[in-house]
Every structure is written in C-alpha cells, then in structure tokens.
C-alpha cells in the first residue's frame, strides 16, 4: 500500500523527491492503520459496555448504535482505501 500512496502523493503534490514522497507515504499508511485500530478499540469498548448492560437485564441503545456506526465507518474507510488503490492502479497501469 505504501507504493500506491507514494504514487498518489507524488501526483497530488507534484513532488519529485523520492525520499520525501516515501516518507509521506509511510506516514499516510501509518495514519490509516491508526484510524482503523482506533475504530476497532472504540467498537470493542462499546461492545463491552453493551454486553454489561444486557447482563444486568438492561438495554444500552447508545452503545449498540455506536457499535453499528463504528462498524459502518470502518467499512467505509476500508472501501475508500481500496477504491483509491484501484483508481491508482487503473490510472498508472500498476500491478
């Protein structure tokens, strides 16, 4: 994914310095991974909260809605990344 991010960043920013582009691509890839990990952590936290409420015979609608929303957001982030990768592959005839 870092190679594709490098191509996208190079095209968007017009940078010709390969070291600078590689650094930015690595940072962008790490940022995407951090976002996905954060979404997983939030989803886990809300899932535990919802399970704890159910074990007490209550319903925690906020937690259940948060889990659903975070699941959808994670899917959306993954789809956007894959769409970007496919677009770059198509436009640059990579891979």
C-alpha atoms as a PDB file:
ATOM      1  CA  UNK A   1       0.000   0.000   0.000  1.00  0.00           C
ATOM      2  CA  UNK A   2       2.920   2.330   0.636  1.00  0.00           C
ATOM      3  CA  UNK A   3       3.913   2.260  -3.043  1.00  0.00           C
ATOM      4  CA  UNK A   4       0.432   3.237  -4.128  1.00  0.00           C
ATOM      5  CA  UNK A   5       0.258   6.008  -1.536  1.00  0.00           C
ATOM      6  CA  UNK A   6       3.615   7.243  -2.820  1.00  0.00           C
ATOM      7  CA  UNK A   7       2.245   7.443  -6.355  1.00  0.00           C
ATOM      8  CA  UNK A   8      -0.880   9.271  -5.212  1.00  0.00           C
ATOM      9  CA  UNK A   9       1.049  11.742  -3.068  1.00  0.00           C
ATOM     10  CA  UNK A  10       3.587  12.355  -5.799  1.00  0.00           C
ATOM     11  CA  UNK A  11       0.824  13.079  -8.299  1.00  0.00           C
ATOM     12  CA  UNK A  12      -1.151  15.280  -5.910  1.00  0.00           C
ATOM     13  CA  UNK A  13       1.746  17.272  -4.538  1.00  0.00           C
ATOM     14  CA  UNK A  14       3.949  17.287  -7.608  1.00  0.00           C
ATOM     15  CA  UNK A  15       6.948  16.326  -5.515  1.00  0.00           C
ATOM     16  CA  UNK A  16       9.887  14.837  -7.385  1.00  0.00           C
ATOM     17  CA  UNK A  17      11.984  13.970  -4.325  1.00  0.00           C
ATOM     18  CA  UNK A  18      11.535  10.200  -3.878  1.00  0.00           C
ATOM     19  CA  UNK A  19      12.707  10.255  -0.248  1.00  0.00           C
ATOM     20  CA  UNK A  20      10.161  12.916   0.678  1.00  0.00           C
ATOM     21  CA  UNK A  21       7.374  11.056  -1.130  1.00  0.00           C
ATOM     22  CA  UNK A  22       8.343   7.751   0.509  1.00  0.00           C
ATOM     23  CA  UNK A  23       8.310   9.383   3.949  1.00  0.00           C
ATOM     24  CA  UNK A  24       4.894  10.937   3.367  1.00  0.00           C
ATOM     25  CA  UNK A  25       3.513   7.645   2.015  1.00  0.00           C
ATOM     26  CA  UNK A  26       4.800   5.769   5.064  1.00  0.00           C
ATOM     27  CA  UNK A  27       3.220   8.334   7.387  1.00  0.00           C
ATOM     28  CA  UNK A  28      -0.083   8.223   5.483  1.00  0.00           C
ATOM     29  CA  UNK A  29      -0.147   4.425   5.700  1.00  0.00           C
ATOM     30  CA  UNK A  30       0.583   4.545   9.419  1.00  0.00           C
ATOM     31  CA  UNK A  31      -2.173   7.125   9.908  1.00  0.00           C
ATOM     32  CA  UNK A  32      -4.703   4.910   8.119  1.00  0.00           C
ATOM     33  CA  UNK A  33      -3.679   1.970  10.309  1.00  0.00           C
ATOM     34  CA  UNK A  34      -4.040   4.116  13.441  1.00  0.00           C
ATOM     35  CA  UNK A  35      -7.541   5.194  12.399  1.00  0.00           C
ATOM     36  CA  UNK A  36      -8.606   1.591  11.752  1.00  0.00           C
ATOM     37  CA  UNK A  37      -7.125   0.459  15.097  1.00  0.00           C
ATOM     38  CA  UNK A  38      -8.891   3.303  16.897  1.00  0.00           C
ATOM     39  CA  UNK A  39     -12.198   2.292  15.326  1.00  0.00           C
ATOM     40  CA  UNK A  40     -11.616  -1.302  16.473  1.00  0.00           C
ATOM     41  CA  UNK A  41     -10.822  -0.163  20.017  1.00  0.00           C
ATOM     42  CA  UNK A  42     -13.911   2.034  20.208  1.00  0.00           C
ATOM     43  CA  UNK A  43     -16.080  -0.747  18.826  1.00  0.00           C
ATOM     44  CA  UNK A  44     -14.699  -3.183  21.409  1.00  0.00           C
ATOM     45  CA  UNK A  45     -15.272  -0.699  24.224  1.00  0.00           C
ATOM     46  CA  UNK A  46     -18.866  -0.048  23.228  1.00  0.00           C
ATOM     47  CA  UNK A  47     -19.469  -3.776  22.716  1.00  0.00           C
ATOM     48  CA  UNK A  48     -18.310  -4.492  26.273  1.00  0.00           C
ATOM     49  CA  UNK A  49     -20.494  -1.710  27.620  1.00  0.00           C
ATOM     50  CA  UNK A  50     -23.494  -3.085  25.741  1.00  0.00           C
ATOM     51  CA  UNK A  51     -22.831  -6.645  26.952  1.00  0.00           C
ATOM     52  CA  UNK A  52     -22.513  -5.422  30.543  1.00  0.00           C
ATOM     53  CA  UNK A  53     -25.875  -3.655  30.279  1.00  0.00           C
ATOM     54  CA  UNK A  54     -27.507  -6.768  28.811  1.00  0.00           C
ATOM     55  CA  UNK A  55     -26.102  -8.904  31.624  1.00  0.00           C
ATOM     56  CA  UNK A  56     -27.941  -6.622  34.049  1.00  0.00           C
ATOM     57  CA  UNK A  57     -31.144  -7.038  32.066  1.00  0.00           C
ATOM     58  CA  UNK A  58     -30.968  -3.556  30.568  1.00  0.00           C
ATOM     59  CA  UNK A  59     -30.570  -2.288  27.053  1.00  0.00           C
ATOM     60  CA  UNK A  60     -27.878   0.251  26.186  1.00  0.00           C
ATOM     61  CA  UNK A  61     -29.142   1.689  22.915  1.00  0.00           C
ATOM     62  CA  UNK A  62     -26.367   4.270  22.725  1.00  0.00           C
ATOM     63  CA  UNK A  63     -23.662   1.601  22.853  1.00  0.00           C
ATOM     64  CA  UNK A  64     -25.441  -0.579  20.324  1.00  0.00           C
ATOM     65  CA  UNK A  65     -25.843   2.386  17.982  1.00  0.00           C
ATOM     66  CA  UNK A  66     -22.183   3.303  18.480  1.00  0.00           C
ATOM     67  CA  UNK A  67     -21.071  -0.247  17.632  1.00  0.00           C
ATOM     68  CA  UNK A  68     -23.184  -0.204  14.472  1.00  0.00           C
ATOM     69  CA  UNK A  69     -21.920   3.243  13.494  1.00  0.00           C
ATOM     70  CA  UNK A  70     -18.286   2.349  14.115  1.00  0.00           C
ATOM     71  CA  UNK A  71     -18.666  -0.854  12.111  1.00  0.00           C
ATOM     72  CA  UNK A  72     -20.064   1.125   9.196  1.00  0.00           C
ATOM     73  CA  UNK A  73     -17.325   3.751   9.491  1.00  0.00           C
ATOM     74  CA  UNK A  74     -14.611   1.083   9.461  1.00  0.00           C
ATOM     75  CA  UNK A  75     -16.113  -0.496   6.346  1.00  0.00           C
ATOM     76  CA  UNK A  76     -16.312   2.942   4.717  1.00  0.00           C
ATOM     77  CA  UNK A  77     -12.620   3.650   5.470  1.00  0.00           C
ATOM     78  CA  UNK A  78     -11.602   0.279   4.035  1.00  0.00           C
ATOM     79  CA  UNK A  79     -13.717   0.787   0.913  1.00  0.00           C
ATOM     80  CA  UNK A  80     -12.276   4.270   0.363  1.00  0.00           C
ATOM     81  CA  UNK A  81      -8.724   2.920   0.658  1.00  0.00           C
ATOM     82  CA  UNK A  82      -9.441   0.081  -1.770  1.00  0.00           C
ATOM     83  CA  UNK A  83     -11.145   2.475  -4.191  1.00  0.00           C
ATOM     84  CA  UNK A  84      -8.109   4.746  -4.100  1.00  0.00           C
ATOM     85  CA  UNK A  85      -5.777   1.799  -4.671  1.00  0.00           C
ATOM     86  CA  UNK A  86      -7.847   0.582  -7.633  1.00  0.00           C
ATOM     87  CA  UNK A  87      -8.016   4.071  -9.122  1.00  0.00           C
ATOM     88  CA  UNK A  88      -4.258   4.490  -8.888  1.00  0.00           C
ATOM     89  CA  UNK A  89      -3.693   1.025 -10.371  1.00  0.00           C
ATOM     90  CA  UNK A  90      -6.001   1.840 -13.263  1.00  0.00           C
ATOM     91  CA  UNK A  91      -4.583   5.307 -13.954  1.00  0.00           C
ATOM     92  CA  UNK A  92      -0.915   4.337 -13.647  1.00  0.00           C
ATOM     93  CA  UNK A  93      -1.259   0.779 -15.026  1.00  0.00           C
ATOM     94  CA  UNK A  94       0.485  -0.554 -11.929  1.00  0.00           C
ATOM     95  CA  UNK A  95       0.464  -4.138 -10.767  1.00  0.00           C
END
